[in-house]
Amino acid sequence: MRKGMMQIGSISFAPSMLERLPAMLGNIFLWLGLFAYASSLFFWLITLSRVGVGFAYLIQCSGCFVIITVISHFILGEDMPLMRIAGLLIICLGLFIVARTG
């Protein structure tokens, strides 16, 4: 979705937002993002049917934070300074510990 919105440009809640609607509806990256979002909801429901919400939410939030940060660096070219990498490694260690208690 971010890549699609980078192509479309900044929008605001103004009448000019409607002018960008055709570009938004025709942007493949926005559609792929919406598909990924819907797919994640499907997998979230499967997960909730198998494990407790406290455990599932912790894994989902932390895991998504790590995955999205890494993907945004490689695909979108976003900055990833050393302190952010250190933080991601700490999150991964926490995920490992939590997963072993699950």
PDB file of N, CA and C in Angstrom:
ATOM      1  N   MET A   1       0.818  -1.179   0.000  1.00  0.00           N
ATOM      2  CA  MET A   1       0.000   0.000   0.000  1.00  0.00           C
ATOM      3  C   MET A   1       0.870   1.254   0.000  1.00  0.00           C
ATOM      4  N   ARG A   2       1.964   1.200   0.749  1.00  0.00           N
ATOM      5  CA  ARG A   2       2.853   2.366   0.813  1.00  0.00           C
ATOM      6  C   ARG A   2       3.410   2.692  -0.568  1.00  0.00           C
ATOM      7  N   LYS A   3       3.840   1.680  -1.295  1.00  0.00           N
ATOM      8  CA  LYS A   3       4.391   1.918  -2.631  1.00  0.00           C
ATOM      9  C   LYS A   3       3.337   2.544  -3.545  1.00  0.00           C
ATOM     10  N   GLY A   4       2.116   2.086  -3.461  1.00  0.00           N
ATOM     11  CA  GLY A   4       1.042   2.661  -4.250  1.00  0.00           C
ATOM     12  C   GLY A   4       0.775   4.109  -3.883  1.00  0.00           C
ATOM     13  N   MET A   5       0.771   4.404  -2.586  1.00  0.00           N
ATOM     14  CA  MET A   5       0.517   5.776  -2.162  1.00  0.00           C
ATOM     15  C   MET A   5       1.695   6.685  -2.471  1.00  0.00           C
ATOM     16  N   MET A   6       2.896   6.142  -2.536  1.00  0.00           N
ATOM     17  CA  MET A   6       4.045   6.949  -2.960  1.00  0.00           C
ATOM     18  C   MET A   6       3.888   7.344  -4.426  1.00  0.00           C
ATOM     19  N   GLN A   7       3.293   6.479  -5.229  1.00  0.00           N
ATOM     20  CA  GLN A   7       3.057   6.794  -6.634  1.00  0.00           C
ATOM     21  C   GLN A   7       1.933   7.815  -6.796  1.00  0.00           C
ATOM     22  N   ILE A   8       0.904   7.717  -5.968  1.00  0.00           N
ATOM     23  CA  ILE A   8      -0.249   8.600  -6.078  1.00  0.00           C
ATOM     24  C   ILE A   8       0.044   9.978  -5.478  1.00  0.00           C
ATOM     25  N   GLY A   9       0.750   9.993  -4.371  1.00  0.00           N
ATOM     26  CA  GLY A   9       1.058  11.252  -3.708  1.00  0.00           C
ATOM     27  C   GLY A   9       0.221  11.451  -2.456  1.00  0.00           C
ATOM     28  N   SER A  10       0.515  12.504  -1.754  1.00  0.00           N
ATOM     29  CA  SER A  10      -0.149  12.813  -0.497  1.00  0.00           C
ATOM     30  C   SER A  10      -1.612  13.180  -0.733  1.00  0.00           C
ATOM     31  N   ILE A  11      -2.467  12.673   0.145  1.00  0.00           N
ATOM     32  CA  ILE A  11      -3.875  13.032   0.066  1.00  0.00           C
ATOM     33  C   ILE A  11      -4.298  13.612   1.405  1.00  0.00           C
ATOM     34  N   SER A  12      -5.362  14.358   1.402  1.00  0.00           N
ATOM     35  CA  SER A  12      -5.912  14.926   2.627  1.00  0.00           C
ATOM     36  C   SER A  12      -7.433  14.876   2.537  1.00  0.00           C
ATOM     37  N   PHE A  13      -8.075  15.187   3.630  1.00  0.00           N
ATOM     38  CA  PHE A  13      -9.532  15.203   3.638  1.00  0.00           C
ATOM     39  C   PHE A  13     -10.003  16.551   3.103  1.00  0.00           C
ATOM     40  N   ALA A  14      -9.929  16.666   1.816  1.00  0.00           N
ATOM     41  CA  ALA A  14     -10.342  17.885   1.128  1.00  0.00           C
ATOM     42  C   ALA A  14     -11.048  17.455  -0.155  1.00  0.00           C
ATOM     43  N   PRO A  15     -11.763  18.378  -0.780  1.00  0.00           N
ATOM     44  CA  PRO A  15     -12.434  18.010  -2.040  1.00  0.00           C
ATOM     45  C   PRO A  15     -11.471  17.467  -3.097  1.00  0.00           C
ATOM     46  N   SER A  16     -10.195  17.890  -3.042  1.00  0.00           N
ATOM     47  CA  SER A  16      -9.232  17.419  -4.036  1.00  0.00           C
ATOM     48  C   SER A  16      -8.927  15.929  -3.888  1.00  0.00           C
ATOM     49  N   MET A  17      -9.298  15.340  -2.743  1.00  0.00           N
ATOM     50  CA  MET A  17      -9.063  13.914  -2.538  1.00  0.00           C
ATOM     51  C   MET A  17      -9.834  13.089  -3.569  1.00  0.00           C
ATOM     52  N   LEU A  18     -11.006  13.542  -3.920  1.00  0.00           N
ATOM     53  CA  LEU A  18     -11.822  12.812  -4.889  1.00  0.00           C
ATOM     54  C   LEU A  18     -11.173  12.777  -6.267  1.00  0.00           C
ATOM     55  N   GLU A  19     -10.321  13.755  -6.561  1.00  0.00           N
ATOM     56  CA  GLU A  19      -9.622  13.771  -7.846  1.00  0.00           C
ATOM     57  C   GLU A  19      -8.611  12.627  -7.943  1.00  0.00           C
ATOM     58  N   ARG A  20      -8.115  12.170  -6.808  1.00  0.00           N
ATOM     59  CA  ARG A  20      -7.124  11.085  -6.798  1.00  0.00           C
ATOM     60  C   ARG A  20      -7.762   9.704  -6.727  1.00  0.00           C
ATOM     61  N   LEU A  21      -9.047   9.660  -6.529  1.00  0.00           N
ATOM     62  CA  LEU A  21      -9.743   8.378  -6.393  1.00  0.00           C
ATOM     63  C   LEU A  21      -9.563   7.469  -7.603  1.00  0.00           C
ATOM     64  N   PRO A  22      -9.678   7.945  -8.847  1.00  0.00           N
ATOM     65  CA  PRO A  22      -9.447   7.041  -9.990  1.00  0.00           C
ATOM     66  C   PRO A  22      -8.030   6.459  -9.995  1.00  0.00           C
ATOM     67  N   ALA A  23      -7.042   7.269  -9.635  1.00  0.00           N
ATOM     68  CA  ALA A  23      -5.667   6.763  -9.578  1.00  0.00           C
ATOM     69  C   ALA A  23      -5.517   5.717  -8.478  1.00  0.00           C
ATOM     70  N   MET A  24      -6.211   5.931  -7.374  1.00  0.00           N
ATOM     71  CA  MET A  24      -6.152   4.964  -6.278  1.00  0.00           C
ATOM     72  C   MET A  24      -6.811   3.648  -6.691  1.00  0.00           C
ATOM     73  N   LEU A  25      -7.951   3.732  -7.337  1.00  0.00           N
ATOM     74  CA  LEU A  25      -8.668   2.521  -7.750  1.00  0.00           C
ATOM     75  C   LEU A  25      -7.921   1.743  -8.831  1.00  0.00           C
ATOM     76  N   GLY A  26      -7.092   2.425  -9.595  1.00  0.00           N
ATOM     77  CA  GLY A  26      -6.353   1.776 -10.667  1.00  0.00           C
ATOM     78  C   GLY A  26      -4.938   1.375 -10.308  1.00  0.00           C
ATOM     79  N   ASN A  27      -4.556   1.547  -9.036  1.00  0.00           N
ATOM     80  CA  ASN A  27      -3.186   1.258  -8.635  1.00  0.00           C
ATOM     81  C   ASN A  27      -3.054  -0.187  -8.165  1.00  0.00           C
ATOM     82  N   ILE A  28      -2.226  -0.961  -8.843  1.00  0.00           N
ATOM     83  CA  ILE A  28      -2.060  -2.387  -8.534  1.00  0.00           C
ATOM     84  C   ILE A  28      -1.487  -2.619  -7.138  1.00  0.00           C
ATOM     85  N   PHE A  29      -0.615  -1.708  -6.690  1.00  0.00           N
ATOM     86  CA  PHE A  29      -0.004  -1.894  -5.375  1.00  0.00           C
ATOM     87  C   PHE A  29      -1.032  -1.723  -4.254  1.00  0.00           C
ATOM     88  N   LEU A  30      -1.993  -0.835  -4.437  1.00  0.00           N
ATOM     89  CA  LEU A  30      -3.055  -0.703  -3.443  1.00  0.00           C
ATOM     90  C   LEU A  30      -3.930  -1.947  -3.424  1.00  0.00           C
ATOM     91  N   TRP A  31      -4.239  -2.504  -4.591  1.00  0.00           N
ATOM     92  CA  TRP A  31      -5.041  -3.723  -4.653  1.00  0.00           C
ATOM     93  C   TRP A  31      -4.293  -4.909  -4.034  1.00  0.00           C
ATOM     94  N   LEU A  32      -2.990  -5.012  -4.304  1.00  0.00           N
ATOM     95  CA  LEU A  32      -2.201  -6.084  -3.698  1.00  0.00           C
ATOM     96  C   LEU A  32      -2.157  -5.927  -2.181  1.00  0.00           C
ATOM     97  N   GLY A  33      -2.042  -4.679  -1.727  1.00  0.00           N
ATOM     98  CA  GLY A  33      -2.048  -4.424  -0.292  1.00  0.00           C
ATOM     99  C   GLY A  33      -3.370  -4.802   0.349  1.00  0.00           C
ATOM    100  N   LEU A  34      -4.472  -4.480  -0.308  1.00  0.00           N
ATOM    101  CA  LEU A  34      -5.786  -4.852   0.215  1.00  0.00           C
ATOM    102  C   LEU A  34      -5.969  -6.365   0.226  1.00  0.00           C
ATOM    103  N   PHE A  35      -5.459  -7.041  -0.806  1.00  0.00           N
ATOM    104  CA  PHE A  35      -5.522  -8.503  -0.835  1.00  0.00           C
ATOM    105  C   PHE A  35      -4.709  -9.098   0.317  1.00  0.00           C
ATOM    106  N   ALA A  36      -3.518  -8.555   0.545  1.00  0.00           N
ATOM    107  CA  ALA A  36      -2.683  -9.033   1.652  1.00  0.00           C
ATOM    108  C   ALA A  36      -3.375  -8.781   2.990  1.00  0.00           C
ATOM    109  N   TYR A  37      -4.019  -7.652   3.110  1.00  0.00           N
ATOM    110  CA  TYR A  37      -4.733  -7.316   4.343  1.00  0.00           C
ATOM    111  C   TYR A  37      -5.882  -8.302   4.587  1.00  0.00           C
ATOM    112  N   ALA A  38      -6.658  -8.584   3.553  1.00  0.00           N
ATOM    113  CA  ALA A  38      -7.759  -9.544   3.682  1.00  0.00           C
ATOM    114  C   ALA A  38      -7.232 -10.944   3.987  1.00  0.00           C
ATOM    115  N   SER A  39      -6.129 -11.320   3.348  1.00  0.00           N
ATOM    116  CA  SER A  39      -5.528 -12.633   3.610  1.00  0.00           C
ATOM    117  C   SER A  39      -5.056 -12.727   5.054  1.00  0.00           C
ATOM    118  N   SER A  40      -4.481 -11.655   5.558  1.00  0.00           N
ATOM    119  CA  SER A  40      -3.997 -11.684   6.940  1.00  0.00           C
ATOM    120  C   SER A  40      -5.162 -11.842   7.914  1.00  0.00           C
ATOM    121  N   LEU A  41      -6.309 -11.255   7.596  1.00  0.00           N
ATOM    122  CA  LEU A  41      -7.489 -11.426   8.443  1.00  0.00           C
ATOM    123  C   LEU A  41      -7.918 -12.892   8.469  1.00  0.00           C
ATOM    124  N   PHE A  42      -7.892 -13.541   7.316  1.00  0.00           N
ATOM    125  CA  PHE A  42      -8.239 -14.958   7.234  1.00  0.00           C
ATOM    126  C   PHE A  42      -7.311 -15.797   8.113  1.00  0.00           C
ATOM    127  N   PHE A  43      -5.994 -15.549   8.023  1.00  0.00           N
ATOM    128  CA  PHE A  43      -5.035 -16.304   8.830  1.00  0.00           C
ATOM    129  C   PHE A  43      -5.141 -15.946  10.310  1.00  0.00           C
ATOM    130  N   TRP A  44      -5.513 -14.713  10.601  1.00  0.00           N
ATOM    131  CA  TRP A  44      -5.710 -14.299  11.991  1.00  0.00           C
ATOM    132  C   TRP A  44      -6.874 -15.089  12.611  1.00  0.00           C
ATOM    133  N   LEU A  45      -7.945 -15.277  11.863  1.00  0.00           N
ATOM    134  CA  LEU A  45      -9.074 -16.046  12.358  1.00  0.00           C
ATOM    135  C   LEU A  45      -8.699 -17.507  12.591  1.00  0.00           C
ATOM    136  N   ILE A  46      -7.901 -18.056  11.702  1.00  0.00           N
ATOM    137  CA  ILE A  46      -7.421 -19.435  11.902  1.00  0.00           C
ATOM    138  C   ILE A  46      -6.584 -19.515  13.171  1.00  0.00           C
ATOM    139  N   THR A  47      -5.703 -18.546  13.347  1.00  0.00           N
ATOM    140  CA  THR A  47      -4.840 -18.524  14.535  1.00  0.00           C
ATOM    141  C   THR A  47      -5.673 -18.438  15.812  1.00  0.00           C
ATOM    142  N   LEU A  48      -6.663 -17.543  15.833  1.00  0.00           N
ATOM    143  CA  LEU A  48      -7.493 -17.384  17.025  1.00  0.00           C
ATOM    144  C   LEU A  48      -8.309 -18.629  17.343  1.00  0.00           C
ATOM    145  N   SER A  49      -8.555 -19.450  16.346  1.00  0.00           N
ATOM    146  CA  SER A  49      -9.294 -20.689  16.610  1.00  0.00           C
ATOM    147  C   SER A  49      -8.405 -21.736  17.271  1.00  0.00           C
ATOM    148  N   ARG A  50      -7.089 -21.483  17.300  1.00  0.00           N
ATOM    149  CA  ARG A  50      -6.163 -22.503  17.806  1.00  0.00           C
ATOM    150  C   ARG A  50      -5.417 -22.107  19.065  1.00  0.00           C
ATOM    151  N   VAL A  51      -5.154 -20.804  19.259  1.00  0.00           N
ATOM    152  CA  VAL A  51      -4.400 -20.359  20.443  1.00  0.00           C
ATOM    153  C   VAL A  51      -5.096 -19.165  21.072  1.00  0.00           C
ATOM    154  N   GLY A  52      -4.706 -18.849  22.306  1.00  0.00           N
ATOM    155  CA  GLY A  52      -5.293 -17.719  23.017  1.00  0.00           C
ATOM    156  C   GLY A  52      -4.938 -16.384  22.383  1.00  0.00           C
ATOM    157  N   VAL A  53      -5.822 -15.421  22.576  1.00  0.00           N
ATOM    158  CA  VAL A  53      -5.635 -14.125  21.947  1.00  0.00           C
ATOM    159  C   VAL A  53      -4.405 -13.396  22.497  1.00  0.00           C
ATOM    160  N   GLY A  54      -4.100 -13.546  23.766  1.00  0.00           N
ATOM    161  CA  GLY A  54      -2.932 -12.884  24.345  1.00  0.00           C
ATOM    162  C   GLY A  54      -1.646 -13.332  23.682  1.00  0.00           C
ATOM    163  N   PHE A  55      -1.504 -14.623  23.500  1.00  0.00           N
ATOM    164  CA  PHE A  55      -0.316 -15.178  22.853  1.00  0.00           C
ATOM    165  C   PHE A  55      -0.295 -14.812  21.372  1.00  0.00           C
ATOM    166  N   ALA A  56      -1.417 -14.988  20.704  1.00  0.00           N
ATOM    167  CA  ALA A  56      -1.485 -14.732  19.265  1.00  0.00           C
ATOM    168  C   ALA A  56      -1.218 -13.263  18.946  1.00  0.00           C
ATOM    169  N   TYR A  57      -1.791 -12.358  19.725  1.00  0.00           N
ATOM    170  CA  TYR A  57      -1.632 -10.934  19.456  1.00  0.00           C
ATOM    171  C   TYR A  57      -0.195 -10.491  19.667  1.00  0.00           C
ATOM    172  N   LEU A  58       0.445 -11.009  20.698  1.00  0.00           N
ATOM    173  CA  LEU A  58       1.844 -10.670  20.961  1.00  0.00           C
ATOM    174  C   LEU A  58       2.735 -11.123  19.805  1.00  0.00           C
ATOM    175  N   ILE A  59       2.566 -12.342  19.365  1.00  0.00           N
ATOM    176  CA  ILE A  59       3.355 -12.868  18.258  1.00  0.00           C
ATOM    177  C   ILE A  59       3.057 -12.085  16.977  1.00  0.00           C
ATOM    178  N   GLN A  60       1.786 -11.820  16.715  1.00  0.00           N
ATOM    179  CA  GLN A  60       1.395 -11.126  15.490  1.00  0.00           C
ATOM    180  C   GLN A  60       1.948  -9.708  15.448  1.00  0.00           C
ATOM    181  N   CYS A  61       1.788  -8.962  16.511  1.00  0.00           N
ATOM    182  CA  CYS A  61       2.253  -7.565  16.516  1.00  0.00           C
ATOM    183  C   CYS A  61       3.768  -7.482  16.409  1.00  0.00           C
ATOM    184  N   SER A  62       4.457  -8.250  17.211  1.00  0.00           N
ATOM    185  CA  SER A  62       5.918  -8.204  17.194  1.00  0.00           C
ATOM    186  C   SER A  62       6.467  -8.732  15.878  1.00  0.00           C
ATOM    187  N   GLY A  63       5.922  -9.848  15.424  1.00  0.00           N
ATOM    188  CA  GLY A  63       6.393 -10.430  14.172  1.00  0.00           C
ATOM    189  C   GLY A  63       6.162  -9.510  12.991  1.00  0.00           C
ATOM    190  N   CYS A  64       5.001  -8.890  12.954  1.00  0.00           N
ATOM    191  CA  CYS A  64       4.707  -7.953  11.853  1.00  0.00           C
ATOM    192  C   CYS A  64       5.635  -6.748  11.898  1.00  0.00           C
ATOM    193  N   PHE A  65       5.928  -6.261  13.083  1.00  0.00           N
ATOM    194  CA  PHE A  65       6.833  -5.122  13.202  1.00  0.00           C
ATOM    195  C   PHE A  65       8.189  -5.446  12.598  1.00  0.00           C
ATOM    196  N   VAL A  66       8.712  -6.623  12.911  1.00  0.00           N
ATOM    197  CA  VAL A  66      10.011  -7.034  12.382  1.00  0.00           C
ATOM    198  C   VAL A  66       9.942  -7.233  10.871  1.00  0.00           C
ATOM    199  N   ILE A  67       8.961  -7.981  10.417  1.00  0.00           N
ATOM    200  CA  ILE A  67       8.839  -8.287   8.984  1.00  0.00           C
ATOM    201  C   ILE A  67       8.648  -7.024   8.155  1.00  0.00           C
ATOM    202  N   ILE A  68       7.765  -6.146   8.596  1.00  0.00           N
ATOM    203  CA  ILE A  68       7.488  -4.928   7.829  1.00  0.00           C
ATOM    204  C   ILE A  68       8.695  -4.011   7.807  1.00  0.00           C
ATOM    205  N   THR A  69       9.428  -3.913   8.905  1.00  0.00           N
ATOM    206  CA  THR A  69      10.627  -3.071   8.924  1.00  0.00           C
ATOM    207  C   THR A  69      11.669  -3.586   7.948  1.00  0.00           C
ATOM    208  N   VAL A  70      11.890  -4.882   7.922  1.00  0.00           N
ATOM    209  CA  VAL A  70      12.882  -5.473   7.019  1.00  0.00           C
ATOM    210  C   VAL A  70      12.430  -5.330   5.560  1.00  0.00           C
ATOM    211  N   ILE A  71      11.177  -5.626   5.290  1.00  0.00           N
ATOM    212  CA  ILE A  71      10.671  -5.510   3.916  1.00  0.00           C
ATOM    213  C   ILE A  71      10.721  -4.065   3.433  1.00  0.00           C
ATOM    214  N   SER A  72      10.358  -3.126   4.301  1.00  0.00           N
ATOM    215  CA  SER A  72      10.372  -1.717   3.882  1.00  0.00           C
ATOM    216  C   SER A  72      11.787  -1.246   3.573  1.00  0.00           C
ATOM    217  N   HIS A  73      12.767  -1.834   4.232  1.00  0.00           N
ATOM    218  CA  HIS A  73      14.161  -1.479   3.937  1.00  0.00           C
ATOM    219  C   HIS A  73      14.569  -1.985   2.551  1.00  0.00           C
ATOM    220  N   PHE A  74      14.258  -3.246   2.266  1.00  0.00           N
ATOM    221  CA  PHE A  74      14.716  -3.842   1.011  1.00  0.00           C
ATOM    222  C   PHE A  74      13.861  -3.458  -0.202  1.00  0.00           C
ATOM    223  N   ILE A  75      12.572  -3.295  -0.023  1.00  0.00           N
ATOM    224  CA  ILE A  75      11.707  -2.999  -1.161  1.00  0.00           C
ATOM    225  C   ILE A  75      11.519  -1.495  -1.367  1.00  0.00           C
ATOM    226  N   LEU A  76      11.316  -0.757  -0.271  1.00  0.00           N
ATOM    227  CA  LEU A  76      11.043   0.671  -0.383  1.00  0.00           C
ATOM    228  C   LEU A  76      12.274   1.542  -0.166  1.00  0.00           C
ATOM    229  N   GLY A  77      13.374   0.922   0.244  1.00  0.00           N
ATOM    230  CA  GLY A  77      14.604   1.673   0.451  1.00  0.00           C
ATOM    231  C   GLY A  77      14.599   2.540   1.697  1.00  0.00           C
ATOM    232  N   GLU A  78      13.740   2.209   2.671  1.00  0.00           N
ATOM    233  CA  GLU A  78      13.692   2.997   3.896  1.00  0.00           C
ATOM    234  C   GLU A  78      14.937   2.724   4.742  1.00  0.00           C
ATOM    235  N   ASP A  79      15.324   3.727   5.509  1.00  0.00           N
ATOM    236  CA  ASP A  79      16.534   3.667   6.317  1.00  0.00           C
ATOM    237  C   ASP A  79      16.391   2.654   7.454  1.00  0.00           C
ATOM    238  N   MET A  80      17.474   1.923   7.752  1.00  0.00           N
ATOM    239  CA  MET A  80      17.485   0.995   8.871  1.00  0.00           C
ATOM    240  C   MET A  80      18.811   1.166   9.621  1.00  0.00           C
ATOM    241  N   PRO A  81      18.865   2.150  10.534  1.00  0.00           N
ATOM    242  CA  PRO A  81      20.106   2.386  11.278  1.00  0.00           C
ATOM    243  C   PRO A  81      20.420   1.245  12.243  1.00  0.00           C
ATOM    244  N   LEU A  82      21.629   1.249  12.741  1.00  0.00           N
ATOM    245  CA  LEU A  82      22.111   0.181  13.615  1.00  0.00           C
ATOM    246  C   LEU A  82      21.238   0.016  14.856  1.00  0.00           C
ATOM    247  N   MET A  83      20.768   1.115  15.444  1.00  0.00           N
ATOM    248  CA  MET A  83      19.932   1.016  16.645  1.00  0.00           C
ATOM    249  C   MET A  83      18.600   0.322  16.336  1.00  0.00           C
ATOM    250  N   ARG A  84      18.064   0.529  15.144  1.00  0.00           N
ATOM    251  CA  ARG A  84      16.820  -0.146  14.765  1.00  0.00           C
ATOM    252  C   ARG A  84      17.072  -1.641  14.599  1.00  0.00           C
ATOM    253  N   ILE A  85      18.201  -1.995  14.009  1.00  0.00           N
ATOM    254  CA  ILE A  85      18.554  -3.413  13.859  1.00  0.00           C
ATOM    255  C   ILE A  85      18.698  -4.058  15.230  1.00  0.00           C
ATOM    256  N   ALA A  86      19.348  -3.357  16.161  1.00  0.00           N
ATOM    257  CA  ALA A  86      19.500  -3.875  17.525  1.00  0.00           C
ATOM    258  C   ALA A  86      18.131  -4.080  18.171  1.00  0.00           C
ATOM    259  N   GLY A  87      17.221  -3.125  17.988  1.00  0.00           N
ATOM    260  CA  GLY A  87      15.872  -3.264  18.532  1.00  0.00           C
ATOM    261  C   GLY A  87      15.128  -4.444  17.937  1.00  0.00           C
ATOM    262  N   LEU A  88      15.289  -4.655  16.629  1.00  0.00           N
ATOM    263  CA  LEU A  88      14.636  -5.793  15.977  1.00  0.00           C
ATOM    264  C   LEU A  88      15.172  -7.117  16.509  1.00  0.00           C
ATOM    265  N   LEU A  89      16.478  -7.169  16.763  1.00  0.00           N
ATOM    266  CA  LEU A  89      17.061  -8.389  17.324  1.00  0.00           C
ATOM    267  C   LEU A  89      16.535  -8.656  18.732  1.00  0.00           C
ATOM    268  N   ILE A  90      16.347  -7.606  19.515  1.00  0.00           N
ATOM    269  CA  ILE A  90      15.778  -7.772  20.857  1.00  0.00           C
ATOM    270  C   ILE A  90      14.343  -8.277  20.763  1.00  0.00           C
ATOM    271  N   ILE A  91      13.577  -7.736  19.818  1.00  0.00           N
ATOM    272  CA  ILE A  91      12.204  -8.208  19.615  1.00  0.00           C
ATOM    273  C   ILE A  91      12.203  -9.681  19.215  1.00  0.00           C
ATOM    274  N   CYS A  92      13.115 -10.068  18.329  1.00  0.00           N
ATOM    275  CA  CYS A  92      13.202 -11.476  17.909  1.00  0.00           C
ATOM    276  C   CYS A  92      13.538 -12.378  19.087  1.00  0.00           C
ATOM    277  N   LEU A  93      14.428 -11.914  19.960  1.00  0.00           N
ATOM    278  CA  LEU A  93      14.758 -12.695  21.162  1.00  0.00           C
ATOM    279  C   LEU A  93      13.510 -12.839  22.033  1.00  0.00           C
ATOM    280  N   GLY A  94      12.769 -11.757  22.204  1.00  0.00           N
ATOM    281  CA  GLY A  94      11.529 -11.814  22.980  1.00  0.00           C
ATOM    282  C   GLY A  94      10.514 -12.752  22.358  1.00  0.00           C
ATOM    283  N   LEU A  95      10.392 -12.723  21.031  1.00  0.00           N
ATOM    284  CA  LEU A  95       9.484 -13.636  20.343  1.00  0.00           C
ATOM    285  C   LEU A  95       9.883 -15.088  20.574  1.00  0.00           C
ATOM    286  N   PHE A  96      11.181 -15.348  20.529  1.00  0.00           N
ATOM    287  CA  PHE A  96      11.674 -16.704  20.765  1.00  0.00           C
ATOM    288  C   PHE A  96      11.299 -17.164  22.171  1.00  0.00           C
ATOM    289  N   ILE A  97      11.502 -16.296  23.152  1.00  0.00           N
ATOM    290  CA  ILE A  97      11.175 -16.654  24.538  1.00  0.00           C
ATOM    291  C   ILE A  97       9.671 -16.897  24.711  1.00  0.00           C
ATOM    292  N   VAL A  98       8.859 -15.999  24.157  1.00  0.00           N
ATOM    293  CA  VAL A  98       7.404 -16.139  24.271  1.00  0.00           C
ATOM    294  C   VAL A  98       6.926 -17.404  23.548  1.00  0.00           C
ATOM    295  N   ALA A  99       7.467 -17.667  22.379  1.00  0.00           N
ATOM    296  CA  ALA A  99       7.054 -18.842  21.609  1.00  0.00           C
ATOM    297  C   ALA A  99       7.362 -20.132  22.364  1.00  0.00           C
ATOM    298  N   ARG A 100       8.422 -20.160  23.125  1.00  0.00           N
ATOM    299  CA  ARG A 100       8.765 -21.370  23.885  1.00  0.00           C
ATOM    300  C   ARG A 100       7.811 -21.595  25.050  1.00  0.00           C
ATOM    301  N   THR A 101       7.119 -20.536  25.487  1.00  0.00           N
ATOM    302  CA  THR A 101       6.157 -20.703  26.594  1.00  0.00           C
ATOM    303  C   THR A 101       4.770 -21.034  26.090  1.00  0.00           C
ATOM    304  N   GLY A 102       4.535 -20.813  24.756  1.00  0.00           N
ATOM    305  CA  GLY A 102       3.237 -20.897  24.142  1.00  0.00           C
ATOM    306  C   GLY A 102       2.532 -22.183  24.233  1.00  0.00           C
TER     307      GLY A 102
END
